[in-house]
Each structure stands twice: as C-alpha cells, then as structure tokens.
Protein backbone atom coordinates (compact mmCIF):
# COMPACT_ATOMS: atom_id res chain seq x y z
CA MET A 1 29.87 4.28 44.26
CA THR A 2 33.23 5.66 45.39
CA ILE A 3 33.84 5.73 49.13
CA THR A 4 34.29 9.35 50.19
CA ASN A 5 35.58 11.03 53.34
CA ASP A 6 35.60 14.39 55.07
CA ALA A 7 38.29 16.30 56.94
CA TYR A 8 37.29 14.79 60.30
CA GLY A 9 37.95 11.09 59.75
CA ASN A 10 34.44 10.08 58.62
CA TYR A 11 34.08 7.76 55.60
CA PHE A 12 30.86 7.40 53.63
CA ILE A 13 28.98 5.07 51.33
CA GLY A 14 26.26 7.06 49.61
CA ASN A 15 25.44 10.73 49.78
CA LYS A 16 22.50 13.08 50.00
CA ASP A 17 21.31 12.17 46.50
CA THR A 18 22.10 8.53 45.79
CA THR A 19 23.89 5.35 46.86
CA ASP A 20 24.70 1.76 45.84
CA LEU A 21 22.96 -1.54 46.32
CA LEU A 22 23.95 -3.47 49.44
CA ASN A 23 27.51 -4.78 49.01
CA TRP A 24 29.33 -6.22 52.03
CA ASP A 25 32.75 -6.01 50.40
CA GLU A 26 32.16 -2.28 49.90
CA LEU A 27 31.11 -1.90 53.53
CA LEU A 28 34.26 -3.74 54.66
CA ASN A 29 36.39 -1.46 52.48
CA CYS A 30 34.72 1.62 53.96
CA MET A 31 35.34 0.40 57.51
CA ARG A 32 38.96 -0.51 56.84
CA GLN A 33 39.65 2.94 55.41
CA ALA A 34 38.01 4.57 58.42
CA LEU A 35 39.90 2.33 60.87
CA GLY A 36 43.20 3.05 59.13
CA SER A 37 44.19 -0.62 58.72
CA ASN A 38 43.06 -3.80 56.98
CA ASP A 39 43.97 -5.75 60.15
CA ARG A 40 41.15 -4.17 62.16
CA ALA A 41 38.20 -5.57 60.19
CA ALA A 42 37.49 -8.84 58.38
CA LEU A 43 34.48 -10.11 56.42
CA PHE A 44 32.90 -13.54 56.32
CA LYS A 45 30.09 -14.21 53.90
CA SER A 46 28.46 -17.27 52.36
CA GLY A 47 25.27 -18.45 50.74
CA HIS A 48 22.60 -20.93 51.69
CA MET A 49 19.43 -22.01 49.90
CA GLY A 50 20.27 -19.62 47.06
CA PHE A 51 20.22 -16.48 49.21
CA ASN A 52 23.96 -15.57 49.35
CA ASN A 53 23.14 -13.25 52.21
CA TYR A 54 25.10 -14.50 55.19
CA ALA A 55 27.57 -11.80 56.18
CA ARG A 56 29.57 -10.87 59.26
CA ILE A 57 32.22 -8.22 59.79
CA ASP A 58 34.35 -8.59 62.91
CA TRP A 59 36.23 -5.44 63.88
CA ARG A 60 37.81 -3.36 66.62
CA PRO A 61 38.13 0.43 66.99
CA ASN A 62 41.33 2.34 66.38
CA ILE A 63 41.43 4.33 69.59
CA PRO A 64 44.18 4.69 72.23
CA GLN A 65 42.17 2.73 74.79
CA GLU A 66 41.97 -0.41 72.64
CA THR A 67 44.11 -3.25 74.01
CA LEU A 68 43.32 -6.01 71.49
CA THR A 69 45.94 -6.53 68.77
CA GLY A 70 46.65 -8.69 65.73
CA ALA A 71 45.00 -9.15 62.36
CA ILE A 72 41.38 -10.25 62.53
CA ALA A 73 40.70 -13.42 60.57
CA VAL A 74 37.06 -14.49 60.43
CA SER A 75 36.52 -18.18 61.06
CA GLY A 76 33.59 -20.57 61.22
CA ILE A 77 31.02 -22.14 58.95
CA TYR A 78 28.23 -19.68 59.61
CA PRO A 79 28.43 -16.00 60.59
CA SER A 80 26.83 -16.74 63.95
CA GLN A 81 29.88 -18.64 65.27
CA PRO A 82 32.62 -18.55 66.34
CA PHE A 83 33.66 -14.95 66.98
CA ASN A 84 37.26 -13.75 67.13
CA LEU A 85 37.26 -12.84 70.79
CA ASN A 86 41.02 -12.28 71.03
CA THR A 87 41.38 -9.80 68.17
CA SER A 88 37.96 -8.22 67.61
CA ARG A 89 35.69 -6.12 69.79
CA PHE A 90 32.53 -5.84 67.69
CA SER A 91 30.63 -7.80 65.10
CA VAL A 92 28.07 -6.76 62.51
CA ILE A 93 25.91 -9.67 61.37
CA TYR A 94 23.36 -10.04 58.60
CA ASP A 95 21.55 -13.30 57.90
CA THR A 96 18.37 -13.63 55.86
CA VAL A 97 18.05 -17.39 56.34
CA ASN A 98 18.68 -18.06 60.01
CA PHE A 99 17.44 -15.81 62.78
CA ALA A 100 19.66 -12.77 62.54
CA HIS A 101 21.19 -10.65 65.24
CA THR A 102 23.85 -8.03 65.64
CA SER A 103 26.33 -8.11 68.47
CA LEU A 104 29.01 -6.24 70.28
CA ILE A 105 31.89 -8.21 71.73
CA ASN A 106 33.35 -7.18 75.05
CA ASN A 107 36.05 -8.88 77.11
CA GLY A 108 35.45 -12.27 75.57
CA SER A 109 31.68 -12.30 75.89
CA ILE A 110 29.06 -11.65 73.23
CA ILE A 111 26.08 -9.42 73.95
CA SER A 112 23.27 -10.39 71.60
CA HIS A 113 21.44 -7.46 70.09
CA GLY A 114 18.04 -7.76 68.44
CA THR A 115 15.01 -9.97 68.85
CA GLY A 116 15.93 -12.77 66.48
CA ALA A 117 13.63 -11.60 63.69
CA ARG A 118 15.03 -11.84 60.20
CA LYS A 119 16.22 -8.61 58.65
CA ILE A 120 15.50 -7.37 55.13
CA ASP A 121 15.38 -10.11 52.51
CA ASN A 122 17.95 -9.11 49.89
CA SER A 123 17.67 -12.22 47.71
CA SER A 124 16.44 -10.01 44.86
CA ASN A 125 19.38 -7.61 45.33
CA THR A 126 17.21 -4.50 45.66
CA THR A 127 18.33 -3.23 49.07
CA LEU A 128 20.11 0.15 49.17
CA LEU A 129 22.97 0.86 51.57
CA TRP A 130 24.15 4.07 53.18
CA ALA A 131 26.97 4.01 55.75
CA VAL A 132 29.24 6.27 57.77
CA ALA A 133 32.29 4.96 59.63
CA ASN A 134 35.12 6.43 61.63
CA ARG A 135 37.85 5.08 63.91
CA GLN A 136 35.35 4.22 66.65
CA SER A 137 31.99 3.43 65.07
CA ILE A 138 30.05 2.16 62.09
CA SER A 139 26.46 3.14 61.26
CA TYR A 140 24.63 1.76 58.26
CA PHE A 141 21.13 1.97 56.83
CA LEU A 142 19.50 -0.75 54.70
CA PHE A 143 16.50 0.50 52.74
CA LYS A 144 13.94 -1.20 50.52
CA SER A 145 10.99 1.10 51.21
CA ASN A 146 9.83 3.56 53.87
CA THR A 147 8.14 0.66 55.67
CA ASN A 148 10.89 -1.93 55.14
CA TYR A 149 14.27 -0.82 56.46
CA TYR A 150 16.96 -1.56 59.04
CA PHE A 151 19.35 0.83 60.77
CA HIS A 152 22.26 -0.32 62.91
CA SER A 153 25.04 1.52 64.70
CA VAL A 154 27.77 -0.04 66.85
CA GLY A 155 31.03 1.17 68.34
CA VAL A 156 32.24 3.48 71.11
CA LEU A 157 30.16 6.35 72.47
CA ASN A 158 31.24 9.99 72.52
CA ASN A 159 31.11 12.10 75.68
CA SER A 160 30.73 9.08 77.96
CA ASP A 161 31.64 8.85 81.63
CA GLN A 162 32.36 5.11 81.21
CA VAL A 163 35.87 3.73 80.72
CA PHE A 164 36.44 1.69 77.53
CA PRO A 165 35.11 -0.88 76.83
CA GLY A 166 32.29 0.13 79.16
CA ASP A 167 31.33 2.83 76.65
CA ALA A 168 30.83 0.29 73.85
CA TYR A 169 27.29 0.38 72.43
CA ALA A 170 24.93 -1.17 69.91
CA PHE A 171 21.77 0.51 68.64
CA ALA A 172 19.22 -0.60 66.05
CA ILE A 173 15.87 0.33 64.52
CA GLN A 174 14.10 -2.25 62.40
CA SER A 175 10.90 -2.22 60.42
CA THR A 176 10.99 -5.36 58.31
CA PRO A 177 7.41 -6.58 57.75
CA GLU A 178 8.19 -8.60 54.64
CA TRP A 179 9.60 -11.28 56.94
CA PHE A 180 7.61 -10.74 60.12
CA ASP A 181 5.56 -7.94 61.64
CA GLN A 182 8.77 -6.73 63.22
CA TYR A 183 9.11 -3.16 64.44
CA GLU A 184 11.54 -2.36 67.21
CA VAL A 185 14.02 0.10 68.65
CA SER A 186 16.77 -1.47 70.77
CA ALA A 187 19.89 -0.18 72.50
CA LYS A 188 22.65 -1.74 74.60
CA THR A 189 25.95 -0.80 76.15
CA SER A 190 28.56 -3.20 77.45
CA PHE A 191 28.54 -1.48 80.86
CA ALA A 192 24.87 -1.90 81.79
CA ASP A 193 22.75 -2.95 78.86
CA ALA A 194 19.76 -3.86 81.03
CA SER A 195 19.20 -0.27 82.17
CA VAL A 196 19.93 1.63 78.95
CA SER A 197 17.03 2.85 76.85
CA VAL A 198 16.07 5.33 74.13
CA PHE A 199 12.29 4.98 74.00
CA GLY A 200 9.45 5.80 76.35
CA THR A 201 10.04 8.69 78.72
CA VAL A 202 13.77 8.48 78.04
CA ALA A 203 13.17 9.44 74.41
CA ASN A 204 11.83 12.82 75.45
CA TYR A 205 14.97 14.24 77.04
CA SER A 206 15.74 17.91 76.57
CA HIS A 207 16.83 18.99 73.12
CA THR A 208 20.44 19.91 73.84
CA ASN A 209 23.73 19.36 72.08
CA ASN A 210 27.02 17.89 73.25
CA ASN A 211 27.98 21.09 75.07
CA ASN A 212 24.68 21.22 76.95
CA ILE A 213 23.47 24.14 74.84
CA ALA A 214 19.85 24.18 73.71
CA THR A 215 19.46 24.03 69.95
CA GLN A 216 16.65 23.74 67.42
CA SER A 217 18.86 22.45 64.61
CA GLU A 218 20.42 19.27 65.92
CA THR A 219 21.11 17.19 69.00
CA GLU A 220 23.30 14.15 69.43
CA LEU A 221 21.49 10.89 70.11
CA TYR A 222 22.27 10.01 73.72
CA LEU A 223 21.76 6.59 75.22
CA ARG A 224 20.18 7.16 78.62
CA TRP A 225 19.96 5.30 81.89
CA GLY A 226 16.58 3.71 82.63
CA SER A 227 13.27 5.55 82.58
CA ASN A 228 13.70 6.59 86.21
CA ASN A 229 16.73 8.66 85.29
CA PRO A 230 16.14 10.11 81.80
CA SER A 231 18.38 13.08 82.55
CA MET A 232 21.47 10.88 83.01
CA PRO A 233 23.19 10.09 79.68
CA VAL A 234 25.66 7.24 79.14
CA GLY A 235 27.09 8.92 76.03
CA CYS A 236 26.14 9.91 72.49
CA ILE A 237 26.35 7.89 69.28
CA PRO A 238 28.83 9.18 66.68
CA ASN A 239 27.38 10.69 63.49
CA VAL A 240 23.79 10.02 64.56
CA PHE A 241 21.33 12.75 65.52
CA LYS A 242 17.90 13.05 67.09
CA TRP A 243 15.38 15.51 65.68
CA LYS A 244 12.90 16.15 68.44
CA VAL A 245 9.26 16.18 67.37
CA ASP A 246 7.41 19.17 68.81
CA GLY A 247 4.38 19.24 66.52
CA THR A 248 5.63 21.86 64.06
CA GLU A 249 7.63 19.59 61.71
CA THR A 250 6.61 18.67 58.21
CA PRO A 251 6.30 14.85 58.30
CA LEU A 252 9.40 13.15 56.95
CA ALA A 253 9.55 9.90 54.99
CA ILE A 254 12.01 7.24 56.12
CA GLY A 255 14.94 7.30 53.71
CA SER A 256 14.59 10.98 52.82
CA THR A 257 17.39 13.54 53.10
CA VAL A 258 17.55 16.32 55.69
CA LYS A 259 19.88 19.33 55.63
CA LEU A 260 21.09 20.28 59.11
CA ASN A 261 22.47 23.69 60.02
CA MET A 262 25.24 22.81 62.47
CA ILE A 263 25.16 25.90 64.64
CA ASN A 264 27.01 23.94 67.33
CA GLN A 265 30.03 21.69 66.95
CA THR A 266 29.96 17.94 67.57
CA PRO A 267 32.87 15.53 68.17
CA ASP A 268 32.45 14.09 64.65
CA PHE A 269 31.97 17.47 62.97
CA PRO A 270 34.05 20.01 64.92
CA SER A 271 32.93 22.85 62.72
CA THR A 272 29.78 24.76 61.87
CA GLY A 273 27.78 24.93 58.69
CA PHE A 274 25.53 22.56 56.79
CA ILE A 275 25.65 18.77 56.71
CA TYR A 276 23.25 16.22 55.23
CA CYS A 277 21.59 13.25 56.90
CA ARG A 278 19.29 10.39 55.97
CA VAL A 279 16.14 9.79 58.00
CA VAL A 280 16.80 6.23 59.21
CA GLY A 281 13.99 5.66 61.73
CA ARG A 282 12.00 6.98 64.64
CA LEU A 283 12.18 6.44 68.39
CA GLY A 284 9.25 5.04 70.30
CA ASN A 285 7.27 7.47 72.42
CA THR A 286 5.86 4.68 74.57
CA ASN A 287 7.77 1.44 73.97
CA ALA A 288 10.26 -0.34 71.72
CA GLN A 289 7.64 -1.13 69.06
CA ASP A 290 6.17 2.36 68.81
CA LEU A 291 8.05 3.90 65.88
CA THR A 292 6.25 7.26 65.96
CA GLY A 293 8.52 9.38 68.14
CA ASP A 294 11.50 11.62 67.41
CA TYR A 295 13.27 11.22 64.07
CA ILE A 296 16.71 9.58 63.94
CA LEU A 297 19.16 10.96 61.38
CA MET A 298 22.42 9.41 60.12
CA ARG A 299 25.03 11.64 58.55
CA VAL A 300 25.82 11.09 54.85
CA ALA A 301 28.23 12.72 52.42
CA ASN A 302 27.31 15.99 50.77
C-alpha cells in the first residue's frame, strides 16, 4: 500500500477501508517521510528459529527542542541491545521469540515499557498494520483478530506543561492471548512514569478537547497524573483519541472504523470536518488488565 499524507504533516499506512500486512521496512519508510530525513530513523531486523520477526526502529523527533544530532545507525546482534543513546531518543521494538518490550530513550537511559509478554506471533505473516506518524510521534496498530491485537504509540506529547524531553511518552494496549493470557494498558512519560496513568479513576476524566471545550464527538487522549489527581493532565497523545463510554454507544469491534466529526480543532488536525479512525483498544475502568472502558481511536487516512 502506498504511504499517504495529509496537509498537516501526518503520514499513514492503511486507511479507513484496508491496509497491508505487517512490514517493518514500510513502517520505517513512513516514519522517515514524516520525520523529514532518513537520518532520524533506522531499522534493525533479523530472524531466529525461523520466525524472522525481530525488529527495532531507533528514532528521534524532528522538533526545535531536539538536541541530538547525527545519522542513526542501528547496532547490535539482537534488537534488545545496544541502543543508540547518542543519536536516538526513542525505540520501537518487536520480538516474537524473546520477551518483547517497547521503550523510550531519554538522556542516555532506557525506560522499559510493557510487561515482558510476547506480542503477536507473526510467523505466519497474517498480521495487519495501520500506522500514523508525524514529526514528533509514531502510533501503530497490529491486528490479527478483535481479541488478538497490539497498539503502541510513542513520541512527544501535545499541550504539555513539561519541557522536552520531559514530555516524551510511551503508551500501549495489548491483547495477545495466543502467546499468553496477556491483556494490559500501560503508559509512561520520561518525566514521572511512576505516577502517570490512563486507567482506573483517571480514565474517567471529563470529556473535553484540547481547548477545554466539552464535546460529544472527540477528545484527545490525555495522560494524567496519578489517581489522586485525575484532573491534572501531563499532555495529550498526537493523533489518538478517546471516545468516552456513557452507555448510549453501539458496541464497537476492535479493528473497526469510526468516522469522527471534528467540530473542534486539534494540534494534529487544525481544521474541522470529518476524519476516520481505527478502534485500537479500550481503557481499563478499574485496572490495567480491565479492557472494558472507553474506546481508544487512532487516526487513519480517508
């Protein structure tokens, strides 16, 4: 599938109707186009035990606050080590053989993200990929079925009161029972990952948009401070939305397409009108393993 883009610097793999099978070279190409340079992202991949599913993309955002420079060259025998700490800020990792994790890199230290459970087994090459990238973030959705999927977003938050790289984030939803009974929502920021959450009482914050205006059509997905302060956001994730469940919605299947009426502007879509999103997971109403809360939507191409 051809990588497409909009007028606001967002680049897409897949659209509201269809997409390609998982291809890490295609994802790298999408990210490099969004970042505006081949130097800002590099791919390492290899095979083991016939899987051919090790993959890691090291990258850094193309924003004025970024201080790291130089072409990123991925090194190491396995995607889990070593990272390019002097030229890259983030890493996206996928590993169906070893225990997998995704990470964000900040000031020379790696913040592990995930529980160590293996992600979707793609040895049969049946996993679908949707992605949206811009100069500060990458979000992608791996889908085999509505009970076997993985969503990951990493980059720099919008509308944050933290100074870069304190506004760096990683967020994931995984439901991958073909490997383990693994269901989890997890979120981190490089400023204070221990106190940031999106499930439990924090998941039920008021349904407002980036300009603090109440809306029934969309709301940015904000990472929040701990459950004692659900009204205090750290910042919102680019191109990802939260559809608050209030009991009147028609149930949505994971992987389905939703048409949003953008009555209010967002930093990644500074216009109004209709956009399309994929349903990529649900937040937990009570804890990280309770995937029955608000719907999470990732923007895709029209």
